[in-house]
C-alpha atoms as a PDB file:
ATOM      1  CA  MET A   1     -13.168 -12.797 -10.311  1.00  0.00           C
ATOM      2  CA  LYS A   2     -15.654 -11.231  -8.105  1.00  0.00           C
ATOM      3  CA  THR A   3     -15.333  -7.954  -6.911  1.00  0.00           C
ATOM      4  CA  ASP A   4     -16.476  -4.290  -5.404  1.00  0.00           C
ATOM      5  CA  LYS A   5     -14.153  -2.519  -7.331  1.00  0.00           C
ATOM      6  CA  MET A   6     -16.249  -0.303 -10.975  1.00  0.00           C
ATOM      7  CA  LEU A   7     -13.437  -1.858 -13.048  1.00  0.00           C
ATOM      8  CA  ASP A   8     -11.065  -4.138 -13.556  1.00  0.00           C
ATOM      9  CA  CYS A   9      -8.365  -2.081 -15.366  1.00  0.00           C
ATOM     10  CA  ILE A  10      -7.745   1.301 -16.054  1.00  0.00           C
ATOM     11  CA  VAL A  11      -5.288   2.227 -18.805  1.00  0.00           C
ATOM     12  CA  ALA A  12      -3.163   5.193 -18.862  1.00  0.00           C
ATOM     13  CA  GLY A  13      -1.265   6.020 -22.049  1.00  0.00           C
ATOM     14  CA  ASP A  14      -1.227   7.335 -25.355  1.00  0.00           C
ATOM     15  CA  SER A  15      -4.207   7.617 -28.217  1.00  0.00           C
ATOM     16  CA  ASN A  16      -4.088   8.438 -31.243  1.00  0.00           C
ATOM     17  CA  VAL A  17      -5.561   7.595 -34.781  1.00  0.00           C
ATOM     18  CA  ASP A  18      -3.404   5.636 -37.252  1.00  0.00           C
ATOM     19  CA  LEU A  19      -4.070   5.489 -40.727  1.00  0.00           C
ATOM     20  CA  MET A  20      -2.759   2.599 -42.734  1.00  0.00           C
ATOM     21  CA  VAL A  21      -0.975   3.270 -46.624  1.00  0.00           C
ATOM     22  CA  ASN A  22      -0.950  -0.618 -47.812  1.00  0.00           C
ATOM     23  CA  GLY A  23       0.737  -1.481 -51.050  1.00  0.00           C
ATOM     24  CA  ALA A  24       2.930   2.285 -50.868  1.00  0.00           C
ATOM     25  CA  PRO A  25       5.058   3.796 -54.039  1.00  0.00           C
ATOM     26  CA  GLU A  26       8.107   4.908 -53.566  1.00  0.00           C
ATOM     27  CA  LEU A  27       6.967   8.542 -52.779  1.00  0.00           C
ATOM     28  CA  GLU A  28       8.551  11.229 -54.796  1.00  0.00           C
ATOM     29  CA  PHE A  29       8.374  15.299 -54.372  1.00  0.00           C
ATOM     30  CA  ASN A  30       6.210  17.196 -56.922  1.00  0.00           C
ATOM     31  CA  THR A  31       4.261  14.065 -58.079  1.00  0.00           C
ATOM     32  CA  GLU A  32       0.898  11.896 -57.258  1.00  0.00           C
ATOM     33  CA  LYS A  33       1.132   8.562 -56.672  1.00  0.00           C
ATOM     34  CA  LEU A  34      -1.341   5.480 -56.100  1.00  0.00           C
ATOM     35  CA  ALA A  35      -1.655   2.921 -52.977  1.00  0.00           C
ATOM     36  CA  GLY A  36      -2.758  -0.131 -53.231  1.00  0.00           C
ATOM     37  CA  GLY A  37      -5.340   1.192 -49.997  1.00  0.00           C
ATOM     38  CA  MET A  38      -5.703   2.877 -47.348  1.00  0.00           C
ATOM     39  CA  ASP A  39      -7.526   2.268 -43.745  1.00  0.00           C
ATOM     40  CA  LEU A  40      -7.940   4.961 -40.674  1.00  0.00           C
ATOM     41  CA  VAL A  41      -7.767   3.070 -37.386  1.00  0.00           C
ATOM     42  CA  LEU A  42      -7.198   3.743 -34.094  1.00  0.00           C
ATOM     43  CA  GLY A  43      -3.486   3.927 -32.937  1.00  0.00           C
ATOM     44  CA  GLY A  44      -1.673   4.266 -29.907  1.00  0.00           C
ATOM     45  CA  SER A  45      -0.352   1.641 -27.265  1.00  0.00           C
ATOM     46  CA  SER A  46      -2.477   2.161 -24.546  1.00  0.00           C
ATOM     47  CA  ALA A  47      -5.480   2.630 -26.755  1.00  0.00           C
ATOM     48  CA  ILE A  48      -5.059  -0.513 -28.682  1.00  0.00           C
ATOM     49  CA  THR A  49      -4.384  -2.170 -25.347  1.00  0.00           C
ATOM     50  CA  VAL A  50      -7.933  -1.161 -23.559  1.00  0.00           C
ATOM     51  CA  PHE A  51      -9.840  -1.558 -26.730  1.00  0.00           C
ATOM     52  CA  ASN A  52      -8.973  -5.359 -27.306  1.00  0.00           C
ATOM     53  CA  LEU A  53      -9.158  -6.056 -23.717  1.00  0.00           C
ATOM     54  CA  ALA A  54     -12.304  -4.209 -23.132  1.00  0.00           C
ATOM     55  CA  ARG A  55     -13.587  -6.883 -26.279  1.00  0.00           C
ATOM     56  CA  LEU A  56     -11.724  -9.572 -24.539  1.00  0.00           C
ATOM     57  CA  GLY A  57     -14.828  -9.112 -21.471  1.00  0.00           C
ATOM     58  CA  ALA A  58     -12.604  -6.723 -18.824  1.00  0.00           C
ATOM     59  CA  ARG A  59     -14.274  -4.110 -17.544  1.00  0.00           C
ATOM     60  CA  THR A  60     -12.092  -0.660 -18.143  1.00  0.00           C
ATOM     61  CA  GLY A  61     -11.587   2.641 -18.117  1.00  0.00           C
ATOM     62  CA  PHE A  62      -8.826   4.911 -20.070  1.00  0.00           C
ATOM     63  CA  ILE A  63      -6.827   8.092 -19.322  1.00  0.00           C
ATOM     64  CA  GLY A  64      -5.328  10.326 -22.046  1.00  0.00           C
ATOM     65  CA  VAL A  65      -5.099  13.394 -23.606  1.00  0.00           C
ATOM     66  CA  VAL A  66      -6.472  13.990 -27.509  1.00  0.00           C
ATOM     67  CA  GLY A  67      -7.365  17.020 -28.890  1.00  0.00           C
ATOM     68  CA  GLN A  68     -10.693  19.214 -30.209  1.00  0.00           C
ATOM     69  CA  ASP A  69     -10.882  18.058 -33.636  1.00  0.00           C
ATOM     70  CA  SER A  70     -12.279  15.182 -35.534  1.00  0.00           C
ATOM     71  CA  PHE A  71      -9.202  13.014 -35.439  1.00  0.00           C
ATOM     72  CA  GLY A  72      -9.757  13.266 -31.477  1.00  0.00           C
ATOM     73  CA  ASP A  73     -13.571  12.778 -31.711  1.00  0.00           C
ATOM     74  CA  PHE A  74     -13.062   9.118 -33.463  1.00  0.00           C
ATOM     75  CA  VAL A  75     -10.174   8.149 -31.020  1.00  0.00           C
ATOM     76  CA  ALA A  76     -13.099   8.520 -28.013  1.00  0.00           C
ATOM     77  CA  GLN A  77     -15.797   7.179 -30.612  1.00  0.00           C
ATOM     78  CA  ARG A  78     -13.910   4.146 -31.099  1.00  0.00           C
ATOM     79  CA  LEU A  79     -13.310   3.801 -27.822  1.00  0.00           C
ATOM     80  CA  ALA A  80     -16.655   4.168 -26.624  1.00  0.00           C
ATOM     81  CA  SER A  81     -17.762   1.370 -28.711  1.00  0.00           C
ATOM     82  CA  ALA A  82     -16.077  -0.821 -26.461  1.00  0.00           C
ATOM     83  CA  GLY A  83     -17.157  -0.016 -23.788  1.00  0.00           C
ATOM     84  CA  VAL A  84     -14.347   1.591 -22.633  1.00  0.00           C
ATOM     85  CA  ASN A  85     -15.243   4.298 -19.639  1.00  0.00           C
ATOM     86  CA  LEU A  86     -13.763   7.777 -20.599  1.00  0.00           C
ATOM     87  CA  ASP A  87     -14.540   9.505 -17.824  1.00  0.00           C
ATOM     88  CA  CYS A  88     -10.966  10.842 -17.689  1.00  0.00           C
ATOM     89  CA  LEU A  89     -10.122  11.146 -21.121  1.00  0.00           C
ATOM     90  CA  ARG A  90      -8.839  14.806 -21.747  1.00  0.00           C
ATOM     91  CA  ARG A  91      -9.785  17.071 -24.877  1.00  0.00           C
ATOM     92  CA  HIS A  92      -7.204  19.641 -25.304  1.00  0.00           C
ATOM     93  CA  PRO A  93      -8.542  22.689 -26.251  1.00  0.00           C
ATOM     94  CA  LYS A  94      -5.637  24.006 -28.854  1.00  0.00           C
ATOM     95  CA  GLU A  95      -3.202  20.792 -29.372  1.00  0.00           C
ATOM     96  CA  LYS A  96      -3.954  18.132 -31.883  1.00  0.00           C
ATOM     97  CA  THR A  97      -4.445  15.017 -31.414  1.00  0.00           C
ATOM     98  CA  GLY A  98      -1.687  12.256 -32.386  1.00  0.00           C
ATOM     99  CA  ILE A  99      -1.393  10.514 -36.281  1.00  0.00           C
ATOM    100  CA  THR A 100       0.629   7.981 -37.402  1.00  0.00           C
ATOM    101  CA  ILE A 101       0.667   7.195 -40.764  1.00  0.00           C
ATOM    102  CA  TRP A 102       1.671   4.141 -41.524  1.00  0.00           C
ATOM    103  CA  LEU A 103       3.762   2.887 -44.708  1.00  0.00           C
ATOM    104  CA  SER A 104       3.682  -0.611 -46.258  1.00  0.00           C
ATOM    105  CA  ARG A 105       5.153  -2.490 -49.351  1.00  0.00           C
ATOM    106  CA  LYS A 106       5.238  -6.333 -49.659  1.00  0.00           C
ATOM    107  CA  LYS A 107       7.258  -7.238 -45.815  1.00  0.00           C
ATOM    108  CA  GLN A 108       8.773  -3.507 -45.690  1.00  0.00           C
ATOM    109  CA  ARG A 109       7.172  -0.643 -43.013  1.00  0.00           C
ATOM    110  CA  ALA A 110       7.737   3.130 -42.508  1.00  0.00           C
ATOM    111  CA  ALA A 111       5.912   5.111 -40.004  1.00  0.00           C
ATOM    112  CA  ILE A 112       5.730   8.996 -39.960  1.00  0.00           C
ATOM    113  CA  THR A 113       3.878  10.628 -36.471  1.00  0.00           C
ATOM    114  CA  SER A 114       3.053  13.851 -35.626  1.00  0.00           C
ATOM    115  CA  ILE A 115       2.958  13.388 -32.140  1.00  0.00           C
ATOM    116  CA  GLY A 116       0.321  16.360 -30.793  1.00  0.00           C
ATOM    117  CA  THR A 117      -1.506  15.281 -28.009  1.00  0.00           C
ATOM    118  CA  ILE A 118       0.438  12.088 -26.900  1.00  0.00           C
ATOM    119  CA  ALA A 119       3.441  13.583 -24.875  1.00  0.00           C
ATOM    120  CA  LEU A 120       0.749  15.220 -23.012  1.00  0.00           C
ATOM    121  CA  LEU A 121      -0.752  13.231 -20.300  1.00  0.00           C
ATOM    122  CA  ARG A 122       0.036  13.942 -16.886  1.00  0.00           C
ATOM    123  CA  THR A 123       0.360  12.052 -13.828  1.00  0.00           C
ATOM    124  CA  SER A 124      -2.479  14.405 -12.029  1.00  0.00           C
ATOM    125  CA  ASP A 125      -4.854  12.933 -15.096  1.00  0.00           C
ATOM    126  CA  VAL A 126      -4.727  10.063 -12.911  1.00  0.00           C
ATOM    127  CA  LYS A 127      -7.004  11.086 -10.358  1.00  0.00           C
ATOM    128  CA  GLU A 128      -6.997   9.114  -6.860  1.00  0.00           C
ATOM    129  CA  ASP A 129     -10.755   8.271  -6.771  1.00  0.00           C
ATOM    130  CA  TYR A 130     -10.925   6.625  -9.994  1.00  0.00           C
ATOM    131  CA  LEU A 131      -7.895   4.700  -9.226  1.00  0.00           C
ATOM    132  CA  ARG A 132     -10.130   3.524  -6.331  1.00  0.00           C
ATOM    133  CA  GLN A 133     -12.492   1.931  -8.759  1.00  0.00           C
ATOM    134  CA  ALA A 134      -9.927  -0.341 -10.378  1.00  0.00           C
ATOM    135  CA  ARG A 135      -8.326  -3.415  -9.600  1.00  0.00           C
ATOM    136  CA  HIS A 136      -5.147  -2.714 -12.309  1.00  0.00           C
ATOM    137  CA  LEU A 137      -3.481   0.128 -14.019  1.00  0.00           C
ATOM    138  CA  HIS A 138      -1.124  -0.354 -17.269  1.00  0.00           C
ATOM    139  CA  VAL A 139       0.645   2.610 -18.701  1.00  0.00           C
ATOM    140  CA  GLY A 140       1.404   1.724 -22.459  1.00  0.00           C
ATOM    141  CA  HIS A 141       3.959   3.765 -24.698  1.00  0.00           C
ATOM    142  CA  TYR A 142       5.984   4.696 -21.422  1.00  0.00           C
ATOM    143  CA  PHE A 143       9.071   7.098 -23.685  1.00  0.00           C
ATOM    144  CA  LEU A 144       6.753   8.886 -25.141  1.00  0.00           C
ATOM    145  CA  LEU A 145       4.615  10.908 -22.091  1.00  0.00           C
ATOM    146  CA  GLU A 146       6.950  13.007 -21.192  1.00  0.00           C
ATOM    147  CA  GLN A 147       5.202  15.166 -19.021  1.00  0.00           C
ATOM    148  CA  PHE A 148       4.261  11.510 -17.627  1.00  0.00           C
ATOM    149  CA  HIS A 149       8.003  10.513 -16.118  1.00  0.00           C
ATOM    150  CA  LYS A 150       7.920  13.204 -13.277  1.00  0.00           C
ATOM    151  CA  GLY A 151       5.903  11.415 -10.917  1.00  0.00           C
ATOM    152  CA  ALA A 152       5.206   7.859 -12.535  1.00  0.00           C
ATOM    153  CA  ALA A 153       7.226   6.281  -9.907  1.00  0.00           C
ATOM    154  CA  ALA A 154       5.130   7.714  -7.129  1.00  0.00           C
ATOM    155  CA  LEU A 155       2.173   6.707  -9.011  1.00  0.00           C
ATOM    156  CA  PHE A 156       2.874   2.907  -9.126  1.00  0.00           C
ATOM    157  CA  ARG A 157       3.272   3.500  -5.635  1.00  0.00           C
ATOM    158  CA  LYS A 158       0.226   4.906  -4.797  1.00  0.00           C
ATOM    159  CA  ALA A 159      -1.407   2.202  -6.944  1.00  0.00           C
ATOM    160  CA  LYS A 160      -0.193  -0.075  -5.061  1.00  0.00           C
ATOM    161  CA  ARG A 161      -0.910   1.208  -2.079  1.00  0.00           C
ATOM    162  CA  LEU A 162      -4.334   1.394  -2.950  1.00  0.00           C
ATOM    163  CA  GLY A 163      -4.435  -2.326  -3.625  1.00  0.00           C
ATOM    164  CA  LEU A 164      -3.982  -2.215  -7.625  1.00  0.00           C
ATOM    165  CA  THR A 165      -1.308  -4.258  -9.104  1.00  0.00           C
ATOM    166  CA  THR A 166       0.663  -2.375 -12.155  1.00  0.00           C
ATOM    167  CA  SER A 167       1.810  -3.189 -15.452  1.00  0.00           C
ATOM    168  CA  LEU A 168       3.890  -1.051 -18.008  1.00  0.00           C
ATOM    169  CA  ASP A 169       4.916  -1.527 -21.436  1.00  0.00           C
ATOM    170  CA  CYS A 170       7.824   1.335 -22.220  1.00  0.00           C
ATOM    171  CA  ASN A 171       7.819   0.810 -26.307  1.00  0.00           C
ATOM    172  CA  TYR A 172      10.655   2.313 -28.288  1.00  0.00           C
ATOM    173  CA  ASP A 173      12.837   5.369 -26.643  1.00  0.00           C
ATOM    174  CA  PRO A 174      12.887   7.870 -29.535  1.00  0.00           C
ATOM    175  CA  THR A 175      15.774   9.883 -27.363  1.00  0.00           C
ATOM    176  CA  GLU A 176      17.441   6.607 -27.151  1.00  0.00           C
ATOM    177  CA  LYS A 177      18.087   7.031 -23.613  1.00  0.00           C
ATOM    178  CA  TRP A 178      16.582   4.567 -22.388  1.00  0.00           C
ATOM    179  CA  ASP A 179      16.024   5.796 -18.807  1.00  0.00           C
ATOM    180  CA  SER A 180      13.283   8.926 -17.946  1.00  0.00           C
ATOM    181  CA  GLY A 181      12.627   7.695 -14.505  1.00  0.00           C
ATOM    182  CA  ILE A 182      11.619   4.207 -15.505  1.00  0.00           C
ATOM    183  CA  TRP A 183      13.931   1.897 -13.293  1.00  0.00           C
ATOM    184  CA  ASP A 184      12.069   3.533 -10.102  1.00  0.00           C
ATOM    185  CA  VAL A 185       8.946   2.352 -11.868  1.00  0.00           C
ATOM    186  CA  LEU A 186      10.316  -0.854 -12.410  1.00  0.00           C
ATOM    187  CA  ARG A 187      10.126  -1.115  -8.712  1.00  0.00           C
ATOM    188  CA  HIS A 188       6.207  -0.463  -8.252  1.00  0.00           C
ATOM    189  CA  THR A 189       5.178  -2.939 -11.665  1.00  0.00           C
ATOM    190  CA  ASP A 190       4.778  -6.166 -11.107  1.00  0.00           C
ATOM    191  CA  ILE A 191       4.120  -7.090 -15.067  1.00  0.00           C
ATOM    192  CA  PHE A 192       6.789  -5.292 -17.552  1.00  0.00           C
ATOM    193  CA  PHE A 193       5.631  -5.989 -21.344  1.00  0.00           C
ATOM    194  CA  PRO A 194       9.275  -5.001 -23.423  1.00  0.00           C
ATOM    195  CA  ASN A 195      10.295  -6.376 -26.572  1.00  0.00           C
ATOM    196  CA  GLU A 196      13.264  -8.221 -27.158  1.00  0.00           C
ATOM    197  CA  ASP A 197      14.660  -5.131 -28.829  1.00  0.00           C
ATOM    198  CA  GLU A 198      13.443  -2.526 -25.680  1.00  0.00           C
ATOM    199  CA  ALA A 199      14.513  -4.826 -23.586  1.00  0.00           C
ATOM    200  CA  LYS A 200      17.867  -5.573 -24.747  1.00  0.00           C
ATOM    201  CA  HIS A 201      18.135  -1.468 -24.863  1.00  0.00           C
ATOM    202  CA  LEU A 202      17.438  -0.904 -21.574  1.00  0.00           C
ATOM    203  CA  THR A 203      19.369  -2.960 -19.803  1.00  0.00           C
ATOM    204  CA  GLY A 204      22.799  -2.999 -22.248  1.00  0.00           C
ATOM    205  CA  GLU A 205      22.772  -6.898 -22.587  1.00  0.00           C
ATOM    206  CA  GLU A 206      23.221  -8.993 -25.409  1.00  0.00           C
ATOM    207  CA  THR A 207      20.352 -11.916 -24.913  1.00  0.00           C
ATOM    208  CA  ALA A 208      16.861 -11.665 -23.824  1.00  0.00           C
ATOM    209  CA  ASP A 209      17.324 -13.810 -21.392  1.00  0.00           C
ATOM    210  CA  ALA A 210      19.615 -12.044 -19.690  1.00  0.00           C
ATOM    211  CA  ALA A 211      17.683  -8.911 -20.091  1.00  0.00           C
ATOM    212  CA  ALA A 212      15.227 -10.480 -18.264  1.00  0.00           C
ATOM    213  CA  ARG A 213      16.887 -11.685 -15.900  1.00  0.00           C
ATOM    214  CA  LYS A 214      18.098  -7.880 -15.161  1.00  0.00           C
ATOM    215  CA  LEU A 215      14.880  -6.595 -15.593  1.00  0.00           C
ATOM    216  CA  ALA A 216      13.049  -9.334 -13.017  1.00  0.00           C
ATOM    217  CA  GLU A 217      15.505  -7.439 -10.713  1.00  0.00           C
ATOM    218  CA  ARG A 218      13.020  -5.138 -10.506  1.00  0.00           C
ATOM    219  CA  ALA A 219      10.201  -5.852 -11.684  1.00  0.00           C
ATOM    220  CA  GLY A 220       7.922  -8.709 -10.158  1.00  0.00           C
ATOM    221  CA  THR A 221       7.146 -10.758 -14.001  1.00  0.00           C
ATOM    222  CA  VAL A 222       9.175  -9.817 -16.963  1.00  0.00           C
ATOM    223  CA  ALA A 223       7.121 -11.194 -20.117  1.00  0.00           C
ATOM    224  CA  VAL A 224       9.603 -10.059 -23.379  1.00  0.00           C
ATOM    225  CA  LYS A 225       7.815 -10.242 -26.662  1.00  0.00           C
ATOM    226  CA  LEU A 226       9.759 -11.870 -29.352  1.00  0.00           C
ATOM    227  CA  GLY A 227       7.474 -11.593 -32.256  1.00  0.00           C
ATOM    228  CA  ALA A 228       7.199 -14.386 -33.977  1.00  0.00           C
ATOM    229  CA  ARG A 229       9.324 -16.437 -31.988  1.00  0.00           C
ATOM    230  CA  GLY A 230       6.969 -16.082 -29.238  1.00  0.00           C
ATOM    231  CA  VAL A 231       7.875 -14.866 -25.683  1.00  0.00           C
ATOM    232  CA  LEU A 232      10.259 -15.257 -22.819  1.00  0.00           C
ATOM    233  CA  VAL A 233       8.763 -14.820 -19.570  1.00  0.00           C
ATOM    234  CA  ARG A 234      11.089 -15.009 -16.283  1.00  0.00           C
ATOM    235  CA  SER A 235       9.043 -14.720 -12.933  1.00  0.00           C
ATOM    236  CA  ASN A 236      10.133 -15.298  -8.955  1.00  0.00           C
ATOM    237  CA  GLY A 237      13.904 -16.656 -10.462  1.00  0.00           C
ATOM    238  CA  GLY A 238      11.639 -18.793 -12.818  1.00  0.00           C
ATOM    239  CA  THR A 239      12.135 -18.812 -16.465  1.00  0.00           C
ATOM    240  CA  PHE A 240       9.644 -20.106 -18.928  1.00  0.00           C
ATOM    241  CA  ARG A 241       9.419 -19.509 -22.957  1.00  0.00           C
ATOM    242  CA  LYS A 242       6.348 -20.119 -25.518  1.00  0.00           C
ATOM    243  CA  PRO A 243       5.794 -20.322 -29.218  1.00  0.00           C
ATOM    244  CA  ALA A 244       3.623 -17.742 -30.976  1.00  0.00           C
ATOM    245  CA  VAL A 245       0.862 -19.431 -31.959  1.00  0.00           C
ATOM    246  CA  LYS A 246       0.416 -19.892 -35.861  1.00  0.00           C
ATOM    247  CA  THR A 247      -1.151 -18.034 -38.410  1.00  0.00           C
ATOM    248  CA  LYS A 248      -1.214 -15.572 -42.027  1.00  0.00           C
ATOM    249  CA  VAL A 249       0.218 -12.520 -41.306  1.00  0.00           C
ATOM    250  CA  VAL A 250      -0.880  -9.413 -43.124  1.00  0.00           C
ATOM    251  CA  ASP A 251       0.124  -6.469 -40.311  1.00  0.00           C
ATOM    252  CA  THR A 252       2.031  -6.547 -36.613  1.00  0.00           C
ATOM    253  CA  THR A 253       0.552  -2.835 -35.931  1.00  0.00           C
ATOM    254  CA  GLY A 254      -0.609  -3.535 -32.366  1.00  0.00           C
ATOM    255  CA  ALA A 255       0.738  -7.250 -32.208  1.00  0.00           C
ATOM    256  CA  GLY A 256       2.580  -6.001 -28.796  1.00  0.00           C
ATOM    257  CA  ASP A 257      -0.597  -4.401 -27.435  1.00  0.00           C
ATOM    258  CA  SER A 258      -2.844  -7.004 -28.184  1.00  0.00           C
ATOM    259  CA  PHE A 259      -0.423  -9.208 -26.315  1.00  0.00           C
ATOM    260  CA  ASN A 260      -0.981  -7.342 -23.773  1.00  0.00           C
ATOM    261  CA  ALA A 261      -4.902  -7.337 -23.990  1.00  0.00           C
ATOM    262  CA  GLY A 262      -4.629 -10.900 -24.097  1.00  0.00           C
ATOM    263  CA  TYR A 263      -2.091 -11.535 -20.828  1.00  0.00           C
ATOM    264  CA  LEU A 264      -4.747  -9.044 -18.475  1.00  0.00           C
ATOM    265  CA  SER A 265      -7.482 -10.537 -19.732  1.00  0.00           C
ATOM    266  CA  ARG A 266      -6.870 -13.949 -18.551  1.00  0.00           C
ATOM    267  CA  PHE A 267      -4.476 -12.245 -15.413  1.00  0.00           C
ATOM    268  CA  LEU A 268      -7.064 -10.170 -14.444  1.00  0.00           C
ATOM    269  CA  LYS A 269      -9.494 -13.489 -13.407  1.00  0.00           C
ATOM    270  CA  GLY A 270      -6.585 -15.209 -11.802  1.00  0.00           C
ATOM    271  CA  ALA A 271      -5.135 -17.315 -14.222  1.00  0.00           C
ATOM    272  CA  SER A 272      -1.350 -18.363 -13.576  1.00  0.00           C
ATOM    273  CA  ILE A 273       1.271 -16.922 -15.636  1.00  0.00           C
ATOM    274  CA  GLU A 274       1.718 -19.707 -18.027  1.00  0.00           C
ATOM    275  CA  GLU A 275      -2.124 -19.333 -18.865  1.00  0.00           C
ATOM    276  CA  SER A 276      -1.651 -15.264 -19.523  1.00  0.00           C
ATOM    277  CA  SER A 277       0.925 -15.361 -21.552  1.00  0.00           C
ATOM    278  CA  GLN A 278      -0.665 -18.276 -24.033  1.00  0.00           C
ATOM    279  CA  ALA A 279      -3.720 -16.081 -23.974  1.00  0.00           C
ATOM    280  CA  GLY A 280      -1.772 -13.122 -24.992  1.00  0.00           C
ATOM    281  CA  LEU A 281       0.397 -15.104 -27.753  1.00  0.00           C
ATOM    282  CA  VAL A 282      -3.149 -15.659 -28.847  1.00  0.00           C
ATOM    283  CA  ALA A 283      -4.461 -12.621 -29.325  1.00  0.00           C
ATOM    284  CA  ALA A 284      -1.049 -11.634 -30.778  1.00  0.00           C
ATOM    285  CA  ALA A 285      -1.917 -14.285 -33.747  1.00  0.00           C
ATOM    286  CA  ARG A 286      -5.171 -12.901 -34.022  1.00  0.00           C
ATOM    287  CA  CYS A 287      -4.509  -9.070 -34.272  1.00  0.00           C
ATOM    288  CA  VAL A 288      -1.200 -10.046 -36.644  1.00  0.00           C
ATOM    289  CA  ALA A 289      -4.069 -11.505 -39.407  1.00  0.00           C
ATOM    290  CA  HIS A 290      -5.990  -8.005 -39.988  1.00  0.00           C
ATOM    291  CA  VAL A 291      -4.725  -4.676 -40.734  1.00  0.00           C
ATOM    292  CA  GLY A 292      -4.809  -2.708 -37.892  1.00  0.00           C
ATOM    293  CA  GLY A 293      -4.336  -2.772 -34.177  1.00  0.00           C
ATOM    294  CA  THR A 294      -8.469  -4.093 -33.389  1.00  0.00           C
ATOM    295  CA  ALA A 295      -9.812  -4.769 -36.450  1.00  0.00           C
ATOM    296  CA  ALA A 296      -9.776  -8.350 -34.809  1.00  0.00           C
ATOM    297  CA  PHE A 297     -11.240  -7.888 -31.694  1.00  0.00           C
ATOM    298  CA  GLU A 298     -14.302  -5.929 -33.647  1.00  0.00           C
ATOM    299  CA  SER A 299     -16.586  -8.396 -32.506  1.00  0.00           C
ATOM    300  CA  ARG A 300     -17.926  -8.939 -29.295  1.00  0.00           C
ATOM    301  CA  LYS A 301     -18.105 -12.538 -29.531  1.00  0.00           C
ATOM    302  CA  LEU A 302     -14.291 -13.462 -29.340  1.00  0.00           C
END
């Protein structure tokens, strides 16, 4: 799609590092155990989405906060390697970059997170001049962005006024309040990307279908990610389902973020909702066949 804008999509939100511990042993204090392997990879719902979206050919920019530390350098280098514009990446002089340690053993996973700079993003970090250079605004891991909540609805309203389309991924709410102003934000959201559990928690409904109907009363299109069962999409009063793409699952980290990237990569080219949803499922399947949220998208030949 031809445009005079510099960027197809701005992604604002969380960025951190993920330490993937594979074959994690039972942990005991005052002992040392051996793991099957470890990988340090790019983490954060928003950072994974923007990396993979850039690798899928979109011109992207990222707005987030990392520390003035080696992990912050790692995040910046990884995003830059994908061609992501980092003019609005803020480096905090005192707070450390966030990190999540993922412990996996067989088919079970557990995580420990030090939130660090993740929660420090503010809506004031999203400058109007930068918005004017883009066609679309996506915000990821809404519930972790504590300082972002107060002005989020106004920011999305401004983006719409400037002619951008908008999308949102909430991820899990660690406070389990399931509000933080998100319902006001959804009034100005073109595409909402919750997973099934998040959709049910937000609405209080017992099924994904009922949750999608209620969420679609606010957002334009609601794509409820169902994991191995695919996706449920509701838009303009209609609902459809698409099955997941079959693949060997190695690691599910970043699957939902990759769905977002795949969907937006086609949406930004003017594709239909069904075509965009299928692209999201293909991207998610590609992701889970590798360790880490971006490993499958390292090559530019996708």
